[in-house]
Structure formats: structure tokens, C-alpha cells
């Protein structure tokens, strides 16, 4: 696919003027990263829901984005917020108490961008530690956005076998990221980083 002549900044500005195709380009460009950020929430249906909700919130709040060139980091931050809300909801099995506007905090400052890059780096490192078939299943679904049937055929699996591998891989990623986070937190408490 040829590179788009439009930058995030161009597309944000055009989307603010009502150009839906411009927002569509933003979606196409950043959906894989948003899906990866949303993967922390759990099952495939939940990832799709979180991705959709993140882009819907981003569209509604687009005028609040101060640095249009940071749209990618910002929308991934929105996805992480939606995923946290979903996790809290499922963990508590009770309705969420939302902030006044019912929207996630805006993550468009340099510190948030650095945190997003660090989180992405940790996710990619955990992904590299997965067994090859699991890693390929995650990559096909979240990064290449292949249809399940095509990805399953590529891996020599049935559709249900593919989903089983994908779910196992997501469970392993969540566990690895939780362990990594606990290790970093303990290191920070001990002063060893």
C-alpha cells in the first residue's frame, strides 16, 4: 500500500473541518496500535469494542487535541483509558463512576507520549518472548488485521484453533506485562529501577 501524502496533522485539521475521509485515514493508520493498546482488556470482542469506543471518543474530543501531530499517542492513551474502565467494570461487576464529562483525560503532553512509547516497547518485548505460533497469531490479528480465516489458514489451524491460540497468547502477554510491571514497581520501591 503506498504511503499516504497526508500527515496526522493534515488529517486532524481536515477532520475538524468535517472531512470524514480524513478521520478514516487516521483510523486506518492507527487502528493496529489502538488494538494493541486495547489488548489488555481481554477477549477479542472486548478489543473490538474498546477500539471502536476509543476512536469514537477521539472523534468527539478531536478539538481538544493540542498537538495534532501526536494523534497516534493520544488515541492509544484513550484506548488504554477505555480498557481500564472496562477492566474496572468487569472486576467490580458494578457500574462505573465516570468523571464529570464521562471522557478519558487527554494524553497529549510529552510525558504521556514518552509513557506510551515505553508501554509499546514493553508490549513488543513481551510479544517477542511468546512462542512463534502465538506471536504470529497476535501479529496477524492485531498488527496485520488479517481476517481470522486467512490467519488460521496461514498458521495451519482451524478457525476455532486460531482463536484458542490467540486467546492463549493474550493471556501470556497479560501475565508477562503484569510481571514486568510488578518487577519495575518493586525496583522503584527498592531504589534499584
N, C-alpha and C. Protein backbone atom coordinates (compact mmCIF):
# COMPACT_ATOMS: atom_id res chain seq x y z
N UNK A 1 0.84 -1.17 0.00
CA UNK A 1 0.00 0.00 0.00
C UNK A 1 0.89 1.24 0.00
N UNK A 2 0.69 2.20 -0.91
CA UNK A 2 1.53 3.38 -0.96
C UNK A 2 1.31 4.26 0.27
N UNK A 3 2.36 4.97 0.65
CA UNK A 3 2.27 5.86 1.80
C UNK A 3 1.30 7.00 1.49
N UNK A 4 0.55 7.39 2.50
CA UNK A 4 -0.41 8.48 2.34
C UNK A 4 0.34 9.81 2.24
N UNK A 5 -0.10 10.70 1.35
CA UNK A 5 0.54 12.01 1.28
C UNK A 5 0.13 12.90 2.46
N UNK A 6 -0.81 12.43 3.26
CA UNK A 6 -1.31 13.21 4.39
C UNK A 6 -0.62 12.80 5.68
N UNK A 7 -0.32 13.77 6.51
CA UNK A 7 0.23 13.50 7.83
C UNK A 7 -0.92 13.47 8.84
N UNK A 8 -0.63 13.03 10.06
CA UNK A 8 -1.66 13.08 11.10
C UNK A 8 -2.16 14.50 11.27
N UNK A 9 -1.25 15.44 11.26
CA UNK A 9 -1.64 16.83 11.44
C UNK A 9 -2.60 17.27 10.35
N UNK A 10 -2.30 16.93 9.09
CA UNK A 10 -3.20 17.27 7.97
C UNK A 10 -4.58 16.66 8.19
N UNK A 11 -4.58 15.36 8.53
CA UNK A 11 -5.85 14.66 8.67
C UNK A 11 -6.66 15.16 9.87
N UNK A 12 -5.99 15.50 10.97
CA UNK A 12 -6.72 16.05 12.12
C UNK A 12 -7.37 17.37 11.74
N UNK A 13 -6.61 18.23 11.10
CA UNK A 13 -7.16 19.54 10.69
C UNK A 13 -8.34 19.38 9.73
N UNK A 14 -8.22 18.46 8.77
CA UNK A 14 -9.31 18.23 7.82
C UNK A 14 -10.51 17.60 8.51
N UNK A 15 -10.27 16.68 9.42
CA UNK A 15 -11.37 16.05 10.15
C UNK A 15 -12.12 17.07 10.99
N UNK A 16 -11.39 18.03 11.56
CA UNK A 16 -12.04 19.09 12.33
C UNK A 16 -12.94 19.96 11.46
N UNK A 17 -12.66 20.00 10.17
CA UNK A 17 -13.49 20.75 9.22
C UNK A 17 -14.63 19.88 8.67
N UNK A 18 -14.76 18.65 9.20
CA UNK A 18 -15.86 17.80 8.80
C UNK A 18 -15.52 16.75 7.74
N UNK A 19 -14.27 16.61 7.39
CA UNK A 19 -13.86 15.64 6.37
C UNK A 19 -13.77 14.25 7.00
N UNK A 20 -14.79 13.42 6.74
CA UNK A 20 -14.83 12.08 7.33
C UNK A 20 -13.76 11.16 6.75
N UNK A 21 -13.39 11.38 5.50
CA UNK A 21 -12.33 10.58 4.90
C UNK A 21 -11.01 10.81 5.62
N UNK A 22 -10.78 12.03 6.06
CA UNK A 22 -9.54 12.33 6.80
C UNK A 22 -9.52 11.55 8.11
N UNK A 23 -10.66 11.49 8.80
CA UNK A 23 -10.69 10.71 10.04
C UNK A 23 -10.55 9.23 9.73
N UNK A 24 -11.09 8.79 8.61
CA UNK A 24 -10.92 7.41 8.18
C UNK A 24 -9.46 7.06 7.96
N UNK A 25 -8.70 8.01 7.41
CA UNK A 25 -7.26 7.77 7.23
C UNK A 25 -6.57 7.66 8.58
N UNK A 26 -6.97 8.49 9.54
CA UNK A 26 -6.41 8.40 10.89
C UNK A 26 -6.71 7.03 11.49
N UNK A 27 -7.95 6.57 11.29
CA UNK A 27 -8.32 5.25 11.80
C UNK A 27 -7.45 4.17 11.15
N UNK A 28 -7.36 4.21 9.83
CA UNK A 28 -6.59 3.18 9.12
C UNK A 28 -5.13 3.17 9.58
N UNK A 29 -4.57 4.34 9.80
CA UNK A 29 -3.17 4.47 10.17
C UNK A 29 -2.91 3.99 11.59
N UNK A 30 -3.84 4.23 12.51
CA UNK A 30 -3.58 4.00 13.93
C UNK A 30 -4.37 2.85 14.55
N UNK A 31 -5.27 2.21 13.81
CA UNK A 31 -6.06 1.12 14.38
C UNK A 31 -5.20 -0.03 14.91
N UNK A 32 -4.13 -0.45 14.21
CA UNK A 32 -3.33 -1.55 14.77
C UNK A 32 -2.73 -1.20 16.15
N UNK A 33 -2.23 0.01 16.31
CA UNK A 33 -1.67 0.41 17.61
C UNK A 33 -2.74 0.52 18.68
N UNK A 34 -3.92 0.98 18.29
CA UNK A 34 -5.03 1.09 19.25
C UNK A 34 -5.49 -0.31 19.65
N UNK A 35 -5.57 -1.23 18.69
CA UNK A 35 -5.96 -2.60 19.01
C UNK A 35 -4.94 -3.23 19.96
N UNK A 36 -3.67 -2.95 19.73
CA UNK A 36 -2.63 -3.50 20.61
C UNK A 36 -2.76 -2.91 22.01
N UNK A 37 -3.04 -1.61 22.11
CA UNK A 37 -3.23 -0.99 23.43
C UNK A 37 -4.47 -1.54 24.11
N UNK A 38 -5.49 -1.86 23.32
CA UNK A 38 -6.75 -2.38 23.86
C UNK A 38 -6.64 -3.85 24.24
N UNK A 39 -5.61 -4.54 23.79
CA UNK A 39 -5.48 -5.98 24.03
C UNK A 39 -5.45 -6.31 25.52
N UNK A 40 -5.07 -5.36 26.34
CA UNK A 40 -5.00 -5.60 27.78
C UNK A 40 -6.37 -5.89 28.38
N UNK A 41 -7.44 -5.57 27.66
CA UNK A 41 -8.78 -5.74 28.22
C UNK A 41 -9.25 -7.18 28.17
N UNK A 42 -8.75 -7.99 27.26
CA UNK A 42 -9.15 -9.39 27.27
C UNK A 42 -9.57 -9.91 25.92
N UNK A 43 -10.73 -10.55 25.86
CA UNK A 43 -11.21 -11.25 24.68
C UNK A 43 -11.31 -10.41 23.43
N UNK A 44 -11.42 -11.10 22.30
CA UNK A 44 -11.43 -10.41 21.01
C UNK A 44 -12.59 -9.45 20.86
N UNK A 45 -13.78 -9.84 21.31
CA UNK A 45 -14.92 -8.94 21.23
C UNK A 45 -14.67 -7.67 22.03
N UNK A 46 -14.06 -7.81 23.20
CA UNK A 46 -13.77 -6.65 24.03
C UNK A 46 -12.76 -5.74 23.35
N UNK A 47 -11.76 -6.30 22.69
CA UNK A 47 -10.77 -5.48 21.98
C UNK A 47 -11.44 -4.68 20.88
N UNK A 48 -12.31 -5.32 20.14
CA UNK A 48 -13.03 -4.60 19.08
C UNK A 48 -13.88 -3.48 19.67
N UNK A 49 -14.56 -3.77 20.78
CA UNK A 49 -15.40 -2.75 21.43
C UNK A 49 -14.55 -1.58 21.93
N UNK A 50 -13.43 -1.90 22.57
CA UNK A 50 -12.56 -0.85 23.10
C UNK A 50 -12.01 0.00 21.94
N UNK A 51 -11.61 -0.65 20.86
CA UNK A 51 -11.08 0.08 19.71
C UNK A 51 -12.13 1.02 19.14
N UNK A 52 -13.33 0.52 18.96
CA UNK A 52 -14.41 1.35 18.44
C UNK A 52 -14.71 2.52 19.38
N UNK A 53 -14.81 2.24 20.67
CA UNK A 53 -15.09 3.29 21.65
C UNK A 53 -13.97 4.33 21.69
N UNK A 54 -12.73 3.88 21.60
CA UNK A 54 -11.59 4.81 21.63
C UNK A 54 -11.65 5.78 20.45
N UNK A 55 -11.90 5.27 19.26
CA UNK A 55 -11.97 6.15 18.09
C UNK A 55 -13.20 7.06 18.14
N UNK A 56 -14.30 6.56 18.69
CA UNK A 56 -15.49 7.40 18.83
C UNK A 56 -15.21 8.55 19.80
N UNK A 57 -14.59 8.25 20.93
CA UNK A 57 -14.23 9.31 21.89
C UNK A 57 -13.23 10.28 21.27
N UNK A 58 -12.27 9.73 20.54
CA UNK A 58 -11.27 10.60 19.91
C UNK A 58 -11.95 11.54 18.92
N UNK A 59 -12.89 11.03 18.15
CA UNK A 59 -13.60 11.87 17.17
C UNK A 59 -14.36 12.98 17.88
N UNK A 60 -15.04 12.63 18.95
CA UNK A 60 -15.83 13.61 19.70
C UNK A 60 -14.95 14.67 20.38
N UNK A 61 -13.76 14.26 20.79
CA UNK A 61 -12.87 15.17 21.54
C UNK A 61 -11.74 15.73 20.68
N UNK A 62 -11.80 15.53 19.38
CA UNK A 62 -10.70 15.91 18.50
C UNK A 62 -10.32 17.38 18.63
N UNK A 63 -11.29 18.23 18.89
CA UNK A 63 -10.99 19.67 19.00
C UNK A 63 -10.16 19.98 20.24
N UNK A 64 -10.08 19.06 21.19
CA UNK A 64 -9.28 19.31 22.40
C UNK A 64 -7.82 18.88 22.25
N UNK A 65 -7.51 18.20 21.15
CA UNK A 65 -6.14 17.75 20.92
C UNK A 65 -5.28 18.96 20.58
N UNK A 66 -4.32 19.26 21.46
CA UNK A 66 -3.48 20.44 21.28
C UNK A 66 -2.37 20.25 20.27
N UNK A 67 -1.90 19.03 20.11
CA UNK A 67 -0.80 18.76 19.17
C UNK A 67 -1.28 17.73 18.15
N UNK A 68 -1.87 18.18 17.04
CA UNK A 68 -2.41 17.25 16.05
C UNK A 68 -1.42 16.20 15.56
N UNK A 69 -0.14 16.51 15.58
CA UNK A 69 0.85 15.54 15.11
C UNK A 69 1.01 14.38 16.09
N UNK A 70 0.48 14.52 17.31
CA UNK A 70 0.58 13.44 18.31
C UNK A 70 -0.70 12.62 18.40
N UNK A 71 -1.51 12.64 17.34
CA UNK A 71 -2.78 11.92 17.36
C UNK A 71 -2.60 10.45 17.75
N UNK A 72 -1.59 9.78 17.20
CA UNK A 72 -1.39 8.36 17.47
C UNK A 72 -1.22 8.06 18.95
N UNK A 73 -0.33 8.78 19.61
CA UNK A 73 -0.10 8.57 21.04
C UNK A 73 -1.36 8.91 21.83
N UNK A 74 -2.04 9.96 21.41
CA UNK A 74 -3.24 10.41 22.10
C UNK A 74 -4.35 9.35 22.02
N UNK A 75 -4.62 8.84 20.81
CA UNK A 75 -5.71 7.87 20.67
C UNK A 75 -5.36 6.54 21.35
N UNK A 76 -4.08 6.18 21.39
CA UNK A 76 -3.70 4.98 22.15
C UNK A 76 -3.94 5.20 23.65
N UNK A 77 -3.70 6.43 24.11
CA UNK A 77 -4.00 6.76 25.51
C UNK A 77 -5.49 6.67 25.80
N UNK A 78 -6.30 7.12 24.86
CA UNK A 78 -7.75 7.00 25.00
C UNK A 78 -8.13 5.53 25.09
N UNK A 79 -7.53 4.69 24.24
CA UNK A 79 -7.82 3.25 24.25
C UNK A 79 -7.43 2.62 25.59
N UNK A 80 -6.27 3.02 26.12
CA UNK A 80 -5.86 2.48 27.41
C UNK A 80 -6.85 2.88 28.51
N UNK A 81 -7.35 4.11 28.44
CA UNK A 81 -8.33 4.57 29.42
C UNK A 81 -9.63 3.77 29.31
N UNK A 82 -10.10 3.56 28.08
CA UNK A 82 -11.32 2.77 27.88
C UNK A 82 -11.10 1.35 28.40
N UNK A 83 -9.94 0.77 28.10
CA UNK A 83 -9.64 -0.59 28.57
C UNK A 83 -9.61 -0.64 30.10
N UNK A 84 -9.02 0.39 30.74
CA UNK A 84 -9.01 0.43 32.22
C UNK A 84 -10.43 0.50 32.76
N UNK A 85 -11.28 1.30 32.12
CA UNK A 85 -12.67 1.39 32.55
C UNK A 85 -13.37 0.04 32.44
N UNK A 86 -13.12 -0.64 31.33
CA UNK A 86 -13.74 -1.96 31.13
C UNK A 86 -13.25 -2.96 32.18
N UNK A 87 -11.94 -2.94 32.44
CA UNK A 87 -11.39 -3.86 33.45
C UNK A 87 -11.98 -3.58 34.81
N UNK A 88 -12.05 -2.30 35.18
CA UNK A 88 -12.63 -1.93 36.48
C UNK A 88 -14.07 -2.41 36.56
N UNK A 89 -14.78 -2.22 35.45
CA UNK A 89 -16.19 -2.62 35.42
C UNK A 89 -16.32 -4.13 35.60
N UNK A 90 -15.52 -4.89 34.87
CA UNK A 90 -15.62 -6.34 34.99
C UNK A 90 -15.09 -6.83 36.33
N UNK A 91 -14.06 -6.18 36.87
CA UNK A 91 -13.52 -6.58 38.17
C UNK A 91 -14.50 -6.30 39.29
N UNK A 92 -15.14 -5.16 39.22
CA UNK A 92 -16.05 -4.77 40.30
C UNK A 92 -17.46 -5.31 40.08
N UNK A 93 -17.76 -5.71 38.84
CA UNK A 93 -19.10 -6.17 38.48
C UNK A 93 -20.15 -5.16 38.93
N UNK A 94 -19.79 -3.88 38.79
CA UNK A 94 -20.69 -2.79 39.16
C UNK A 94 -20.53 -1.68 38.15
N UNK A 95 -21.52 -0.80 38.06
CA UNK A 95 -21.41 0.31 37.11
C UNK A 95 -20.21 1.20 37.41
N UNK A 96 -19.65 1.73 36.37
CA UNK A 96 -18.52 2.65 36.52
C UNK A 96 -19.00 3.98 37.05
N UNK A 97 -18.15 4.62 37.82
CA UNK A 97 -18.41 6.00 38.18
C UNK A 97 -17.50 6.82 37.29
N UNK A 98 -18.11 7.56 36.37
CA UNK A 98 -17.33 8.31 35.40
C UNK A 98 -17.04 9.71 35.93
N UNK A 99 -16.01 10.30 35.33
CA UNK A 99 -15.74 11.69 35.68
C UNK A 99 -16.86 12.56 35.12
N UNK A 100 -16.86 13.83 35.41
CA UNK A 100 -17.95 14.72 35.05
C UNK A 100 -18.30 14.66 33.58
N UNK A 101 -17.32 14.71 32.70
CA UNK A 101 -17.59 14.71 31.27
C UNK A 101 -17.76 13.30 30.73
N UNK A 102 -17.42 12.27 31.52
CA UNK A 102 -17.54 10.90 31.05
C UNK A 102 -16.50 10.54 30.01
N UNK A 103 -15.45 11.31 29.92
CA UNK A 103 -14.42 11.10 28.90
C UNK A 103 -13.07 10.87 29.56
N UNK A 104 -12.15 10.23 28.84
CA UNK A 104 -10.81 10.00 29.40
C UNK A 104 -10.02 11.29 29.47
N UNK A 105 -9.04 11.33 30.34
CA UNK A 105 -8.17 12.50 30.35
C UNK A 105 -7.40 12.57 29.03
N UNK A 106 -7.09 13.76 28.63
CA UNK A 106 -6.38 13.95 27.37
C UNK A 106 -4.89 13.69 27.61
N UNK A 107 -4.31 12.79 26.82
CA UNK A 107 -2.91 12.44 26.96
C UNK A 107 -2.16 12.95 25.74
N UNK A 108 -1.86 14.22 25.76
CA UNK A 108 -1.16 14.77 24.60
C UNK A 108 0.06 15.60 25.01
N UNK A 109 0.59 15.33 26.19
CA UNK A 109 1.79 16.03 26.61
C UNK A 109 3.01 15.13 26.39
N UNK A 110 4.20 15.70 26.42
CA UNK A 110 5.41 14.90 26.16
C UNK A 110 5.59 13.73 27.12
N UNK A 111 5.20 13.91 28.39
CA UNK A 111 5.35 12.82 29.36
C UNK A 111 4.44 11.65 29.01
N UNK A 112 3.20 11.96 28.61
CA UNK A 112 2.27 10.90 28.22
C UNK A 112 2.76 10.20 26.97
N UNK A 113 3.30 10.95 26.03
CA UNK A 113 3.83 10.35 24.80
C UNK A 113 5.00 9.42 25.13
N UNK A 114 5.87 9.85 26.04
CA UNK A 114 7.01 9.01 26.44
C UNK A 114 6.51 7.74 27.14
N UNK A 115 5.49 7.90 28.00
CA UNK A 115 4.93 6.73 28.68
C UNK A 115 4.30 5.77 27.68
N UNK A 116 3.63 6.32 26.67
CA UNK A 116 3.01 5.48 25.63
C UNK A 116 4.07 4.72 24.85
N UNK A 117 5.17 5.39 24.52
CA UNK A 117 6.26 4.72 23.81
C UNK A 117 6.87 3.62 24.67
N UNK A 118 7.03 3.88 25.96
CA UNK A 118 7.58 2.87 26.87
C UNK A 118 6.64 1.67 26.97
N UNK A 119 5.35 1.93 27.08
CA UNK A 119 4.37 0.85 27.15
C UNK A 119 4.39 0.01 25.88
N UNK A 120 4.47 0.69 24.74
CA UNK A 120 4.53 -0.03 23.47
C UNK A 120 5.80 -0.87 23.38
N UNK A 121 6.90 -0.33 23.84
CA UNK A 121 8.17 -1.05 23.84
C UNK A 121 8.07 -2.30 24.71
N UNK A 122 7.45 -2.18 25.88
CA UNK A 122 7.28 -3.31 26.78
C UNK A 122 6.38 -4.37 26.17
N UNK A 123 5.32 -3.93 25.50
CA UNK A 123 4.42 -4.86 24.85
C UNK A 123 5.15 -5.63 23.75
N UNK A 124 5.92 -4.92 22.93
CA UNK A 124 6.66 -5.58 21.85
C UNK A 124 7.70 -6.55 22.40
N UNK A 125 8.35 -6.18 23.50
CA UNK A 125 9.34 -7.08 24.11
C UNK A 125 8.64 -8.35 24.63
N UNK A 126 7.48 -8.19 25.27
CA UNK A 126 6.73 -9.36 25.77
C UNK A 126 6.26 -10.21 24.60
N UNK A 127 5.86 -9.56 23.53
CA UNK A 127 5.42 -10.28 22.33
C UNK A 127 6.55 -11.13 21.75
N UNK A 128 7.75 -10.60 21.76
CA UNK A 128 8.91 -11.34 21.23
C UNK A 128 9.22 -12.59 22.04
N UNK A 129 8.83 -12.61 23.30
CA UNK A 129 9.10 -13.77 24.17
C UNK A 129 8.08 -14.89 24.01
N UNK A 130 7.00 -14.63 23.28
CA UNK A 130 5.98 -15.67 23.07
C UNK A 130 6.50 -16.75 22.13
N UNK A 131 5.95 -17.97 22.22
CA UNK A 131 6.27 -18.99 21.23
C UNK A 131 5.88 -18.49 19.83
N UNK A 132 6.56 -19.00 18.81
CA UNK A 132 6.39 -18.46 17.45
C UNK A 132 4.94 -18.46 16.99
N UNK A 133 4.23 -19.58 17.15
CA UNK A 133 2.84 -19.65 16.67
C UNK A 133 1.97 -18.61 17.37
N UNK A 134 2.15 -18.45 18.67
CA UNK A 134 1.37 -17.46 19.42
C UNK A 134 1.69 -16.05 18.94
N UNK A 135 2.98 -15.78 18.76
CA UNK A 135 3.41 -14.46 18.29
C UNK A 135 2.82 -14.17 16.91
N UNK A 136 2.85 -15.14 16.02
CA UNK A 136 2.31 -14.95 14.68
C UNK A 136 0.80 -14.72 14.71
N UNK A 137 0.10 -15.41 15.60
CA UNK A 137 -1.34 -15.23 15.72
C UNK A 137 -1.67 -13.81 16.17
N UNK A 138 -0.94 -13.31 17.15
CA UNK A 138 -1.16 -11.94 17.63
C UNK A 138 -0.83 -10.94 16.54
N UNK A 139 0.29 -11.15 15.89
CA UNK A 139 0.70 -10.22 14.84
C UNK A 139 -0.32 -10.18 13.71
N UNK A 140 -0.81 -11.35 13.29
CA UNK A 140 -1.77 -11.41 12.19
C UNK A 140 -3.05 -10.66 12.54
N UNK A 141 -3.53 -10.84 13.76
CA UNK A 141 -4.80 -10.24 14.14
C UNK A 141 -4.69 -8.76 14.47
N UNK A 142 -3.70 -8.39 15.29
CA UNK A 142 -3.65 -7.02 15.79
C UNK A 142 -2.82 -6.07 14.93
N UNK A 143 -1.77 -6.57 14.32
CA UNK A 143 -0.91 -5.67 13.57
C UNK A 143 -1.20 -5.71 12.07
N UNK A 144 -1.45 -6.89 11.53
CA UNK A 144 -1.76 -7.00 10.11
C UNK A 144 -3.26 -6.95 9.85
N UNK A 145 -4.04 -7.10 10.89
CA UNK A 145 -5.50 -7.08 10.83
C UNK A 145 -6.04 -8.04 9.78
N UNK A 146 -5.48 -9.24 9.76
CA UNK A 146 -5.97 -10.26 8.85
C UNK A 146 -7.30 -10.79 9.36
N UNK A 147 -8.13 -11.24 8.44
CA UNK A 147 -9.35 -11.93 8.81
C UNK A 147 -8.96 -13.23 9.50
N UNK A 148 -9.78 -13.69 10.42
CA UNK A 148 -9.46 -14.90 11.19
C UNK A 148 -9.25 -16.10 10.28
N UNK A 149 -10.09 -16.24 9.25
CA UNK A 149 -9.95 -17.39 8.35
C UNK A 149 -8.60 -17.39 7.64
N UNK A 150 -8.17 -16.23 7.16
CA UNK A 150 -6.89 -16.13 6.45
C UNK A 150 -5.73 -16.41 7.40
N UNK A 151 -5.80 -15.83 8.60
CA UNK A 151 -4.72 -16.04 9.58
C UNK A 151 -4.67 -17.50 10.01
N UNK A 152 -5.83 -18.11 10.21
CA UNK A 152 -5.88 -19.51 10.61
C UNK A 152 -5.26 -20.39 9.52
N UNK A 153 -5.60 -20.12 8.27
CA UNK A 153 -5.06 -20.90 7.16
C UNK A 153 -3.54 -20.74 7.08
N UNK A 154 -3.08 -19.53 7.29
CA UNK A 154 -1.64 -19.26 7.24
C UNK A 154 -0.89 -20.04 8.31
N UNK A 155 -1.52 -20.23 9.46
CA UNK A 155 -0.89 -20.95 10.56
C UNK A 155 -1.23 -22.44 10.56
N UNK A 156 -2.05 -22.87 9.58
CA UNK A 156 -2.42 -24.28 9.51
C UNK A 156 -3.36 -24.70 10.61
N UNK A 157 -4.26 -23.79 11.02
CA UNK A 157 -5.20 -24.06 12.11
C UNK A 157 -6.63 -23.92 11.62
N UNK A 158 -7.56 -24.53 12.35
CA UNK A 158 -8.97 -24.25 12.11
C UNK A 158 -9.26 -22.86 12.69
N UNK A 159 -10.40 -22.32 12.36
CA UNK A 159 -10.77 -21.00 12.90
C UNK A 159 -10.82 -21.04 14.42
N UNK A 160 -11.45 -22.08 14.99
CA UNK A 160 -11.54 -22.16 16.45
C UNK A 160 -10.16 -22.41 17.06
N UNK A 161 -9.33 -23.18 16.36
CA UNK A 161 -7.96 -23.40 16.84
C UNK A 161 -7.17 -22.10 16.85
N UNK A 162 -7.38 -21.29 15.83
CA UNK A 162 -6.71 -19.99 15.75
C UNK A 162 -7.12 -19.11 16.93
N UNK A 163 -8.43 -19.05 17.21
CA UNK A 163 -8.89 -18.23 18.33
C UNK A 163 -8.36 -18.75 19.66
N UNK A 164 -8.23 -20.06 19.79
CA UNK A 164 -7.68 -20.63 21.02
C UNK A 164 -6.22 -20.21 21.19
N UNK A 165 -5.45 -20.26 20.10
CA UNK A 165 -4.05 -19.84 20.16
C UNK A 165 -3.97 -18.35 20.49
N UNK A 166 -4.84 -17.56 19.86
CA UNK A 166 -4.84 -16.11 20.09
C UNK A 166 -5.19 -15.80 21.55
N UNK A 167 -6.20 -16.46 22.09
CA UNK A 167 -6.57 -16.22 23.48
C UNK A 167 -5.44 -16.61 24.43
N UNK A 168 -4.78 -17.75 24.16
CA UNK A 168 -3.66 -18.19 24.99
C UNK A 168 -2.53 -17.15 24.93
N UNK A 169 -2.26 -16.65 23.73
CA UNK A 169 -1.20 -15.66 23.57
C UNK A 169 -1.52 -14.38 24.34
N UNK A 170 -2.78 -13.93 24.28
CA UNK A 170 -3.17 -12.72 25.01
C UNK A 170 -3.03 -12.93 26.51
N UNK A 171 -3.41 -14.11 26.98
CA UNK A 171 -3.28 -14.42 28.41
C UNK A 171 -1.80 -14.39 28.81
N UNK A 172 -0.93 -14.96 27.98
CA UNK A 172 0.50 -14.95 28.27
C UNK A 172 1.05 -13.52 28.25
N UNK A 173 0.59 -12.71 27.30
CA UNK A 173 1.05 -11.31 27.24
C UNK A 173 0.63 -10.55 28.49
N UNK A 174 -0.63 -10.70 28.89
CA UNK A 174 -1.10 -10.01 30.10
C UNK A 174 -0.29 -10.42 31.31
N UNK A 175 -0.02 -11.72 31.43
CA UNK A 175 0.76 -12.21 32.58
C UNK A 175 2.18 -11.64 32.54
N UNK A 176 2.80 -11.63 31.35
CA UNK A 176 4.16 -11.11 31.23
C UNK A 176 4.21 -9.63 31.55
N UNK A 177 3.24 -8.87 31.05
CA UNK A 177 3.23 -7.43 31.32
C UNK A 177 2.96 -7.15 32.80
N UNK A 178 2.11 -7.95 33.42
CA UNK A 178 1.84 -7.79 34.85
C UNK A 178 3.11 -8.07 35.66
N UNK A 179 3.82 -9.16 35.29
CA UNK A 179 5.08 -9.48 35.99
C UNK A 179 6.10 -8.36 35.78
N UNK A 180 6.23 -7.89 34.54
CA UNK A 180 7.20 -6.82 34.25
C UNK A 180 6.87 -5.56 35.04
N UNK A 181 5.58 -5.24 35.11
CA UNK A 181 5.16 -4.04 35.86
C UNK A 181 5.48 -4.20 37.35
N UNK A 182 5.19 -5.39 37.90
CA UNK A 182 5.48 -5.64 39.32
C UNK A 182 6.97 -5.57 39.60
N UNK A 183 7.78 -6.09 38.67
CA UNK A 183 9.24 -6.05 38.83
C UNK A 183 9.73 -4.60 38.81
N UNK A 184 9.21 -3.81 37.87
CA UNK A 184 9.62 -2.39 37.79
C UNK A 184 9.19 -1.63 39.03
N UNK A 185 7.96 -1.92 39.51
CA UNK A 185 7.46 -1.23 40.70
C UNK A 185 8.31 -1.59 41.91
N UNK A 186 8.64 -2.88 42.05
CA UNK A 186 9.47 -3.32 43.17
C UNK A 186 10.85 -2.68 43.09
N UNK A 187 11.41 -2.62 41.87
CA UNK A 187 12.72 -1.98 41.68
C UNK A 187 12.67 -0.51 42.05
N UNK A 188 11.57 0.16 41.70
CA UNK A 188 11.44 1.58 42.06
C UNK A 188 11.33 1.76 43.56
N UNK A 189 10.59 0.85 44.21
CA UNK A 189 10.47 0.93 45.67
C UNK A 189 11.80 0.64 46.37
N UNK A 190 12.57 -0.27 45.78
CA UNK A 190 13.86 -0.63 46.35
C UNK A 190 14.96 0.37 45.97
N UNK A 191 14.65 1.23 45.00
CA UNK A 191 15.63 2.20 44.52
C UNK A 191 16.62 1.61 43.54
N UNK A 192 16.28 0.42 42.96
CA UNK A 192 17.19 -0.21 42.00
C UNK A 192 16.76 -0.03 40.56
N UNK A 193 15.56 0.45 40.33
CA UNK A 193 14.97 0.63 38.99
C UNK A 193 15.12 -0.63 38.26
